[in-house]
Amino acid sequence: MIWTGERPSELAAALECAPSVRWVQLASAGVESYLPLMDQRIRWSRAVGVQSELVAEHALMLALTVLRQGTASVRAGTWLPRPAIGLTNAEVLVVGGGGVARALLALLRPFRVRPKVVCRGGAPIAGAEVGTPDRLDAWLPEARVVFLAAPLTADTAGLIDAVRLRSMRRDACLVNVARGGLVITDDLVRALTSGWIAGAGLDVTDPEPLPPEHPLWSLPTCVITAHCAGDLDHALGPFVDLVRRNIRRLANGLEPIGLVDRELGY
């Protein structure tokens, strides 16, 4: 079954009508909302890499907008020059080592940043220093820009809290293109209003959608987009290619690309 819908409840109903289904291909890389549906009789695969370049471009846009204080300039309503703060040669930390992280590192290469990556496996990634999650607290205070590109799991929920926000550089920029639940929102509001960090670029929030009255909207150091970094309509070609490859793999007795590990949560 190829599932391009957005509501797990609708997928659950579809599966009830098709008890013979033994494989489900999801159109998203994040699968946390589908985990309650997963059992051992069905293989589940996620859309790894399909929207990575789109999301990476968006993450870079958010970082540059925050660094250049773009939101404050737009809201000023008058001619108000801002500091020319650049990304070139900056210390960068990427949390997550998947397709988005790798696409982002490629986009950052011309900026000659000094990148570090924290990911569960700690496998080498060309052009970056890589460490396991136990390196996060040592590397977080060094980074000028922190990109969150990790899945939402029991281990990553609330990963960025008040303690970690206070440990960051006062000129640091936090960018989240993963899931809103990686950040404790109230702590982020406090960090931005108290000047613990310089700014944040958010494509995802907790709660989501973010209510109109939420204080994050009014903060000039916060750039918010409405979970639109990736879009299946603009990544349909790569998704179709992935589906074709997975059908061939299953026909040949192989596991599909992006097979979900229920224990890990992605």
C-alpha atoms as a PDB file:
ATOM      1  CA  MET A   1       0.000   0.000   0.000  1.00  0.00           C
ATOM      2  CA  ILE A   2       1.282   3.485  -0.913  1.00  0.00           C
ATOM      3  CA  TRP A   3      -0.020   6.016   1.605  1.00  0.00           C
ATOM      4  CA  THR A   4       0.140   9.724   0.787  1.00  0.00           C
ATOM      5  CA  GLY A   5      -2.514  10.868   3.240  1.00  0.00           C
ATOM      6  CA  GLU A   6      -1.874  12.833   6.413  1.00  0.00           C
ATOM      7  CA  ARG A   7      -4.294  11.332   8.949  1.00  0.00           C
ATOM      8  CA  PRO A   8      -3.259   8.089  10.698  1.00  0.00           C
ATOM      9  CA  SER A   9      -6.922   7.443  11.516  1.00  0.00           C
ATOM     10  CA  GLU A  10      -7.742   7.287   7.803  1.00  0.00           C
ATOM     11  CA  LEU A  11      -4.869   4.878   7.207  1.00  0.00           C
ATOM     12  CA  ALA A  12      -6.085   2.705  10.078  1.00  0.00           C
ATOM     13  CA  ALA A  13      -9.521   2.544   8.444  1.00  0.00           C
ATOM     14  CA  ALA A  14      -7.972   1.671   5.080  1.00  0.00           C
ATOM     15  CA  LEU A  15      -5.940  -1.128   6.627  1.00  0.00           C
ATOM     16  CA  GLU A  16      -9.045  -2.564   8.267  1.00  0.00           C
ATOM     17  CA  CYS A  17     -10.582  -2.801   4.808  1.00  0.00           C
ATOM     18  CA  ALA A  18      -7.460  -4.464   3.394  1.00  0.00           C
ATOM     19  CA  PRO A  19      -6.293  -7.119   5.895  1.00  0.00           C
ATOM     20  CA  SER A  20      -3.988  -8.737   3.327  1.00  0.00           C
ATOM     21  CA  VAL A  21      -1.660  -5.708   3.145  1.00  0.00           C
ATOM     22  CA  ARG A  22       1.873  -6.659   4.164  1.00  0.00           C
ATOM     23  CA  TRP A  23       3.769  -3.463   3.257  1.00  0.00           C
ATOM     24  CA  VAL A  24       2.985   0.223   3.694  1.00  0.00           C
ATOM     25  CA  GLN A  25       5.073   2.953   2.075  1.00  0.00           C
ATOM     26  CA  LEU A  26       4.598   6.289   3.828  1.00  0.00           C
ATOM     27  CA  ALA A  27       5.132   9.583   2.021  1.00  0.00           C
ATOM     28  CA  SER A  28       6.801  11.236   5.011  1.00  0.00           C
ATOM     29  CA  ALA A  29      10.156  10.726   6.691  1.00  0.00           C
ATOM     30  CA  GLY A  30       8.702  11.282  10.154  1.00  0.00           C
ATOM     31  CA  VAL A  31       6.593   8.362  11.373  1.00  0.00           C
ATOM     32  CA  GLU A  32       5.868   9.087  15.033  1.00  0.00           C
ATOM     33  CA  SER A  33       2.130   9.559  14.452  1.00  0.00           C
ATOM     34  CA  TYR A  34       1.897   6.169  12.699  1.00  0.00           C
ATOM     35  CA  LEU A  35       3.729   4.106  15.324  1.00  0.00           C
ATOM     36  CA  PRO A  36       0.526   3.062  17.144  1.00  0.00           C
ATOM     37  CA  LEU A  37      -0.670   1.411  13.916  1.00  0.00           C
ATOM     38  CA  MET A  38       2.449  -0.639  13.369  1.00  0.00           C
ATOM     39  CA  ASP A  39       2.504  -4.334  14.128  1.00  0.00           C
ATOM     40  CA  GLN A  40       4.751  -7.196  13.130  1.00  0.00           C
ATOM     41  CA  ARG A  41       2.606  -8.454  10.264  1.00  0.00           C
ATOM     42  CA  ILE A  42       3.251  -5.363   8.111  1.00  0.00           C
ATOM     43  CA  ARG A  43       6.535  -3.884   6.901  1.00  0.00           C
ATOM     44  CA  TRP A  44       6.525  -0.112   7.084  1.00  0.00           C
ATOM     45  CA  SER A  45       8.898   2.115   5.160  1.00  0.00           C
ATOM     46  CA  ARG A  46       9.300   5.867   5.373  1.00  0.00           C
ATOM     47  CA  ALA A  47      10.167   8.318   2.615  1.00  0.00           C
ATOM     48  CA  VAL A  48      13.848   8.722   3.396  1.00  0.00           C
ATOM     49  CA  GLY A  49      15.672  11.315   1.321  1.00  0.00           C
ATOM     50  CA  VAL A  50      12.649  12.284  -0.764  1.00  0.00           C
ATOM     51  CA  GLN A  51      12.349  15.840   0.566  1.00  0.00           C
ATOM     52  CA  SER A  52      15.819  16.225   2.057  1.00  0.00           C
ATOM     53  CA  GLU A  53      17.057  18.896  -0.343  1.00  0.00           C
ATOM     54  CA  LEU A  54      13.873  20.956  -0.011  1.00  0.00           C
ATOM     55  CA  VAL A  55      14.044  20.851   3.784  1.00  0.00           C
ATOM     56  CA  ALA A  56      17.770  21.613   3.806  1.00  0.00           C
ATOM     57  CA  GLU A  57      17.230  24.691   1.628  1.00  0.00           C
ATOM     58  CA  HIS A  58      14.540  25.869   4.013  1.00  0.00           C
ATOM     59  CA  ALA A  59      16.790  25.337   7.022  1.00  0.00           C
ATOM     60  CA  LEU A  60      19.514  27.435   5.404  1.00  0.00           C
ATOM     61  CA  MET A  61      16.995  30.165   4.601  1.00  0.00           C
ATOM     62  CA  LEU A  62      15.815  30.260   8.217  1.00  0.00           C
ATOM     63  CA  ALA A  63      19.372  30.455   9.528  1.00  0.00           C
ATOM     64  CA  LEU A  64      20.338  33.310   7.222  1.00  0.00           C
ATOM     65  CA  THR A  65      17.128  35.197   7.962  1.00  0.00           C
ATOM     66  CA  VAL A  66      17.711  34.951  11.711  1.00  0.00           C
ATOM     67  CA  LEU A  67      21.385  35.875  11.462  1.00  0.00           C
ATOM     68  CA  ARG A  68      20.569  38.911   9.308  1.00  0.00           C
ATOM     69  CA  GLN A  69      17.642  39.873  11.582  1.00  0.00           C
ATOM     70  CA  GLY A  70      15.294  39.744   8.627  1.00  0.00           C
ATOM     71  CA  THR A  71      12.097  39.577  10.667  1.00  0.00           C
ATOM     72  CA  ALA A  72      13.009  42.673  12.676  1.00  0.00           C
ATOM     73  CA  SER A  73      13.762  44.537   9.437  1.00  0.00           C
ATOM     74  CA  VAL A  74      10.424  43.590   7.880  1.00  0.00           C
ATOM     75  CA  ARG A  75       8.515  44.622  10.993  1.00  0.00           C
ATOM     76  CA  ALA A  76      10.381  47.912  11.425  1.00  0.00           C
ATOM     77  CA  GLY A  77       8.307  49.750   8.836  1.00  0.00           C
ATOM     78  CA  THR A  78      11.140  52.218   8.413  1.00  0.00           C
ATOM     79  CA  TRP A  79      14.699  52.366   7.128  1.00  0.00           C
ATOM     80  CA  LEU A  80      16.621  50.532   9.832  1.00  0.00           C
ATOM     81  CA  PRO A  81      19.984  49.002   8.810  1.00  0.00           C
ATOM     82  CA  ARG A  82      20.943  45.774  10.572  1.00  0.00           C
ATOM     83  CA  PRO A  83      24.356  44.285  11.366  1.00  0.00           C
ATOM     84  CA  ALA A  84      25.905  42.288   8.523  1.00  0.00           C
ATOM     85  CA  ILE A  85      26.174  39.015  10.419  1.00  0.00           C
ATOM     86  CA  GLY A  86      27.433  36.196   8.229  1.00  0.00           C
ATOM     87  CA  LEU A  87      27.439  32.418   8.288  1.00  0.00           C
ATOM     88  CA  THR A  88      30.853  32.016   6.635  1.00  0.00           C
ATOM     89  CA  ASN A  89      33.442  30.255   8.823  1.00  0.00           C
ATOM     90  CA  ALA A  90      30.893  29.752  11.614  1.00  0.00           C
ATOM     91  CA  GLU A  91      30.792  26.831  14.026  1.00  0.00           C
ATOM     92  CA  VAL A  92      27.738  24.779  13.110  1.00  0.00           C
ATOM     93  CA  LEU A  93      26.084  21.868  14.900  1.00  0.00           C
ATOM     94  CA  VAL A  94      23.591  19.581  13.179  1.00  0.00           C
ATOM     95  CA  VAL A  95      21.520  17.303  15.400  1.00  0.00           C
ATOM     96  CA  GLY A  96      20.578  14.311  13.268  1.00  0.00           C
ATOM     97  CA  GLY A  97      22.537  12.390  10.672  1.00  0.00           C
ATOM     98  CA  GLY A  98      19.948  11.501   8.047  1.00  0.00           C
ATOM     99  CA  GLY A  99      19.173  12.778   4.581  1.00  0.00           C
ATOM    100  CA  VAL A 100      18.319  16.322   5.640  1.00  0.00           C
ATOM    101  CA  ALA A 101      21.553  16.635   7.615  1.00  0.00           C
ATOM    102  CA  ARG A 102      23.636  15.435   4.680  1.00  0.00           C
ATOM    103  CA  ALA A 103      21.849  17.697   2.197  1.00  0.00           C
ATOM    104  CA  LEU A 104      22.317  20.610   4.580  1.00  0.00           C
ATOM    105  CA  LEU A 105      26.032  19.940   4.941  1.00  0.00           C
ATOM    106  CA  ALA A 106      26.349  20.053   1.155  1.00  0.00           C
ATOM    107  CA  LEU A 107      24.595  23.430   1.039  1.00  0.00           C
ATOM    108  CA  LEU A 108      26.802  24.760   3.826  1.00  0.00           C
ATOM    109  CA  ARG A 109      30.059  23.762   2.137  1.00  0.00           C
ATOM    110  CA  PRO A 110      30.510  27.060   0.213  1.00  0.00           C
ATOM    111  CA  PHE A 111      30.204  28.933   3.526  1.00  0.00           C
ATOM    112  CA  ARG A 112      33.293  27.097   4.806  1.00  0.00           C
ATOM    113  CA  VAL A 113      31.564  26.388   8.110  1.00  0.00           C
ATOM    114  CA  ARG A 114      33.130  24.133  10.712  1.00  0.00           C
ATOM    115  CA  PRO A 115      30.410  21.503  11.087  1.00  0.00           C
ATOM    116  CA  LYS A 116      29.792  18.949  13.792  1.00  0.00           C
ATOM    117  CA  VAL A 117      27.042  16.349  13.657  1.00  0.00           C
ATOM    118  CA  VAL A 118      25.402  14.521  16.559  1.00  0.00           C
ATOM    119  CA  CYS A 119      23.551  11.347  15.619  1.00  0.00           C
ATOM    120  CA  ARG A 120      22.632   8.077  17.264  1.00  0.00           C
ATOM    121  CA  GLY A 121      24.977   5.809  15.335  1.00  0.00           C
ATOM    122  CA  GLY A 122      27.909   8.209  15.101  1.00  0.00           C
ATOM    123  CA  ALA A 123      28.787   6.886  11.636  1.00  0.00           C
ATOM    124  CA  PRO A 124      31.282   9.026   9.695  1.00  0.00           C
ATOM    125  CA  ILE A 125      29.926  11.771   7.437  1.00  0.00           C
ATOM    126  CA  ALA A 126      32.272  13.333   4.906  1.00  0.00           C
ATOM    127  CA  GLY A 127      33.308  16.862   5.771  1.00  0.00           C
ATOM    128  CA  ALA A 128      32.019  16.876   9.358  1.00  0.00           C
ATOM    129  CA  GLU A 129      33.113  15.812  12.805  1.00  0.00           C
ATOM    130  CA  VAL A 130      30.563  13.281  14.012  1.00  0.00           C
ATOM    131  CA  GLY A 131      29.714  12.229  17.536  1.00  0.00           C
ATOM    132  CA  THR A 132      27.065  10.232  19.362  1.00  0.00           C
ATOM    133  CA  PRO A 133      24.406  11.972  21.495  1.00  0.00           C
ATOM    134  CA  ASP A 134      26.680  12.019  24.536  1.00  0.00           C
ATOM    135  CA  ARG A 135      28.670  14.756  22.731  1.00  0.00           C
ATOM    136  CA  LEU A 136      25.681  17.108  22.500  1.00  0.00           C
ATOM    137  CA  ASP A 137      26.277  18.965  25.751  1.00  0.00           C
ATOM    138  CA  ALA A 138      29.957  19.471  24.944  1.00  0.00           C
ATOM    139  CA  TRP A 139      29.362  20.744  21.411  1.00  0.00           C
ATOM    140  CA  LEU A 140      26.195  22.786  21.949  1.00  0.00           C
ATOM    141  CA  PRO A 141      27.949  25.748  23.651  1.00  0.00           C
ATOM    142  CA  GLU A 142      30.406  26.054  20.756  1.00  0.00           C
ATOM    143  CA  ALA A 143      27.912  26.408  17.899  1.00  0.00           C
ATOM    144  CA  ARG A 144      26.920  29.674  16.243  1.00  0.00           C
ATOM    145  CA  VAL A 145      24.062  27.890  14.494  1.00  0.00           C
ATOM    146  CA  VAL A 146      22.320  24.743  15.753  1.00  0.00           C
ATOM    147  CA  PHE A 147      20.183  22.864  13.219  1.00  0.00           C
ATOM    148  CA  LEU A 148      17.676  20.274  14.470  1.00  0.00           C
ATOM    149  CA  ALA A 149      17.099  17.560  11.867  1.00  0.00           C
ATOM    150  CA  ALA A 150      16.471  14.487  14.026  1.00  0.00           C
ATOM    151  CA  PRO A 151      13.362  12.302  14.276  1.00  0.00           C
ATOM    152  CA  LEU A 152      10.979  12.733  17.190  1.00  0.00           C
ATOM    153  CA  THR A 153      11.389   9.728  19.481  1.00  0.00           C
ATOM    154  CA  ALA A 154      11.275   9.002  23.190  1.00  0.00           C
ATOM    155  CA  ASP A 155      14.974   9.926  23.314  1.00  0.00           C
ATOM    156  CA  THR A 156      14.692  13.226  21.434  1.00  0.00           C
ATOM    157  CA  ALA A 157      11.420  14.603  22.837  1.00  0.00           C
ATOM    158  CA  GLY A 158      12.224  17.766  24.781  1.00  0.00           C
ATOM    159  CA  LEU A 159      15.878  17.510  23.766  1.00  0.00           C
ATOM    160  CA  ILE A 160      16.347  21.285  23.737  1.00  0.00           C
ATOM    161  CA  ASP A 161      15.225  22.517  27.146  1.00  0.00           C
ATOM    162  CA  ALA A 162      16.068  25.442  29.418  1.00  0.00           C
ATOM    163  CA  VAL A 163      19.333  23.900  30.592  1.00  0.00           C
ATOM    164  CA  ARG A 164      20.614  23.364  27.067  1.00  0.00           C
ATOM    165  CA  LEU A 165      19.347  26.716  25.821  1.00  0.00           C
ATOM    166  CA  ARG A 166      21.202  28.461  28.646  1.00  0.00           C
ATOM    167  CA  SER A 167      24.363  26.566  27.720  1.00  0.00           C
ATOM    168  CA  MET A 168      24.328  27.936  24.169  1.00  0.00           C
ATOM    169  CA  ARG A 169      26.201  31.009  22.969  1.00  0.00           C
ATOM    170  CA  ARG A 170      24.362  34.286  23.445  1.00  0.00           C
ATOM    171  CA  ASP A 171      24.800  34.932  19.713  1.00  0.00           C
ATOM    172  CA  ALA A 172      23.552  31.449  18.776  1.00  0.00           C
ATOM    173  CA  CYS A 173      20.772  30.742  16.307  1.00  0.00           C
ATOM    174  CA  LEU A 174      18.523  27.674  16.739  1.00  0.00           C
ATOM    175  CA  VAL A 175      16.853  26.264  13.601  1.00  0.00           C
ATOM    176  CA  ASN A 176      14.265  23.483  13.831  1.00  0.00           C
ATOM    177  CA  VAL A 177      13.110  21.731  10.645  1.00  0.00           C
ATOM    178  CA  ALA A 178      12.493  18.385  12.344  1.00  0.00           C
ATOM    179  CA  ARG A 179       9.585  18.185  14.790  1.00  0.00           C
ATOM    180  CA  GLY A 180       8.323  20.773  17.247  1.00  0.00           C
ATOM    181  CA  GLY A 181       8.509  18.297  20.105  1.00  0.00           C
ATOM    182  CA  LEU A 182      12.315  18.351  20.062  1.00  0.00           C
ATOM    183  CA  VAL A 183      12.137  21.768  21.740  1.00  0.00           C
ATOM    184  CA  ILE A 184      10.326  22.718  24.937  1.00  0.00           C
ATOM    185  CA  THR A 185       8.441  25.728  23.619  1.00  0.00           C
ATOM    186  CA  ASP A 186       8.020  27.605  26.896  1.00  0.00           C
ATOM    187  CA  ASP A 187      11.765  27.313  27.489  1.00  0.00           C
ATOM    188  CA  LEU A 188      12.473  28.671  24.019  1.00  0.00           C
ATOM    189  CA  VAL A 189      10.212  31.674  24.628  1.00  0.00           C
ATOM    190  CA  ARG A 190      12.114  32.351  27.835  1.00  0.00           C
ATOM    191  CA  ALA A 191      15.461  31.950  26.078  1.00  0.00           C
ATOM    192  CA  LEU A 192      14.528  34.455  23.377  1.00  0.00           C
ATOM    193  CA  THR A 193      12.959  37.019  25.691  1.00  0.00           C
ATOM    194  CA  SER A 194      15.828  36.765  28.180  1.00  0.00           C
ATOM    195  CA  GLY A 195      18.571  36.892  25.559  1.00  0.00           C
ATOM    196  CA  TRP A 196      20.007  33.458  26.290  1.00  0.00           C
ATOM    197  CA  ILE A 197      20.289  32.988  22.523  1.00  0.00           C
ATOM    198  CA  ALA A 198      20.120  35.485  19.658  1.00  0.00           C
ATOM    199  CA  GLY A 199      17.289  33.987  17.652  1.00  0.00           C
ATOM    200  CA  ALA A 200      15.369  30.996  16.341  1.00  0.00           C
ATOM    201  CA  GLY A 201      14.067  29.839  12.971  1.00  0.00           C
ATOM    202  CA  LEU A 202      11.167  27.398  13.271  1.00  0.00           C
ATOM    203  CA  ASP A 203       9.377  25.455  10.580  1.00  0.00           C
ATOM    204  CA  VAL A 204       7.832  23.217  13.242  1.00  0.00           C
ATOM    205  CA  THR A 205       6.417  24.046  16.652  1.00  0.00           C
ATOM    206  CA  ASP A 206       4.811  22.471  19.679  1.00  0.00           C
ATOM    207  CA  PRO A 207       1.848  22.925  19.642  1.00  0.00           C
ATOM    208  CA  GLU A 208       1.210  22.817  15.931  1.00  0.00           C
ATOM    209  CA  PRO A 209      -0.330  24.755  14.371  1.00  0.00           C
ATOM    210  CA  LEU A 210       0.931  27.511  16.632  1.00  0.00           C
ATOM    211  CA  PRO A 211      -2.045  29.485  18.038  1.00  0.00           C
ATOM    212  CA  PRO A 212      -2.331  33.086  16.762  1.00  0.00           C
ATOM    213  CA  GLU A 213      -1.929  34.481  20.282  1.00  0.00           C
ATOM    214  CA  HIS A 214       1.260  32.560  21.054  1.00  0.00           C
ATOM    215  CA  PRO A 215       4.135  34.817  22.210  1.00  0.00           C
ATOM    216  CA  LEU A 216       6.566  33.373  19.656  1.00  0.00           C
ATOM    217  CA  TRP A 217       4.730  35.247  16.894  1.00  0.00           C
ATOM    218  CA  SER A 218       5.538  38.616  18.397  1.00  0.00           C
ATOM    219  CA  LEU A 219       9.238  38.054  19.018  1.00  0.00           C
ATOM    220  CA  PRO A 220      11.387  39.921  16.470  1.00  0.00           C
ATOM    221  CA  THR A 221      14.182  37.372  16.941  1.00  0.00           C
ATOM    222  CA  CYS A 222      11.967  34.450  15.904  1.00  0.00           C
ATOM    223  CA  VAL A 223      11.202  33.471  12.304  1.00  0.00           C
ATOM    224  CA  ILE A 224       8.285  31.055  11.913  1.00  0.00           C
ATOM    225  CA  THR A 225       7.072  29.190   8.836  1.00  0.00           C
ATOM    226  CA  ALA A 226       4.067  26.864   8.813  1.00  0.00           C
ATOM    227  CA  HIS A 227       5.659  23.404   8.522  1.00  0.00           C
ATOM    228  CA  CYS A 228       6.236  23.955   4.819  1.00  0.00           C
ATOM    229  CA  ALA A 229       9.931  23.141   4.403  1.00  0.00           C
ATOM    230  CA  GLY A 230       9.013  20.009   2.490  1.00  0.00           C
ATOM    231  CA  ASP A 231       6.155  19.351   0.111  1.00  0.00           C
ATOM    232  CA  LEU A 232       5.360  16.040  -1.573  1.00  0.00           C
ATOM    233  CA  ASP A 233       3.952  17.830  -4.630  1.00  0.00           C
ATOM    234  CA  HIS A 234       7.417  19.303  -5.233  1.00  0.00           C
ATOM    235  CA  ALA A 235       9.205  16.038  -4.469  1.00  0.00           C
ATOM    236  CA  LEU A 236       6.916  13.677  -6.346  1.00  0.00           C
ATOM    237  CA  GLY A 237       9.632  12.502  -8.742  1.00  0.00           C
ATOM    238  CA  PRO A 238      11.993  11.293  -5.985  1.00  0.00           C
ATOM    239  CA  PHE A 239       9.048   9.709  -4.147  1.00  0.00           C
ATOM    240  CA  VAL A 240       7.948   7.779  -7.228  1.00  0.00           C
ATOM    241  CA  ASP A 241      11.553   6.617  -7.743  1.00  0.00           C
ATOM    242  CA  LEU A 242      11.696   5.415  -4.129  1.00  0.00           C
ATOM    243  CA  VAL A 243       8.423   3.514  -4.502  1.00  0.00           C
ATOM    244  CA  ARG A 244       9.678   1.829  -7.670  1.00  0.00           C
ATOM    245  CA  ARG A 245      12.933   0.807  -6.008  1.00  0.00           C
ATOM    246  CA  ASN A 246      11.119  -0.561  -2.989  1.00  0.00           C
ATOM    247  CA  ILE A 247       8.689  -2.570  -5.106  1.00  0.00           C
ATOM    248  CA  ARG A 248      11.638  -4.122  -6.948  1.00  0.00           C
ATOM    249  CA  ARG A 249      13.421  -4.852  -3.672  1.00  0.00           C
ATOM    250  CA  LEU A 250      10.388  -6.529  -2.146  1.00  0.00           C
ATOM    251  CA  ALA A 251       9.851  -8.575  -5.322  1.00  0.00           C
ATOM    252  CA  ASN A 252      13.457  -9.783  -4.980  1.00  0.00           C
ATOM    253  CA  GLY A 253      13.065 -10.715  -1.323  1.00  0.00           C
ATOM    254  CA  LEU A 254      14.902  -7.656   0.020  1.00  0.00           C
ATOM    255  CA  GLU A 255      13.865  -5.208   2.726  1.00  0.00           C
ATOM    256  CA  PRO A 256      12.543  -1.857   1.496  1.00  0.00           C
ATOM    257  CA  ILE A 257      14.648   1.282   1.731  1.00  0.00           C
ATOM    258  CA  GLY A 258      13.633   3.246   4.808  1.00  0.00           C
ATOM    259  CA  LEU A 259      12.333   0.248   6.748  1.00  0.00           C
ATOM    260  CA  VAL A 260      10.968   1.572  10.053  1.00  0.00           C
ATOM    261  CA  ASP A 261      12.456   0.234  13.273  1.00  0.00           C
ATOM    262  CA  ARG A 262       9.562   0.254  15.708  1.00  0.00           C
ATOM    263  CA  GLU A 263      11.839   0.177  18.730  1.00  0.00           C
ATOM    264  CA  LEU A 264      13.842   3.211  17.592  1.00  0.00           C
ATOM    265  CA  GLY A 265      10.750   5.048  16.408  1.00  0.00           C
ATOM    266  CA  TYR A 266      11.975   5.827  12.875  1.00  0.00           C
END
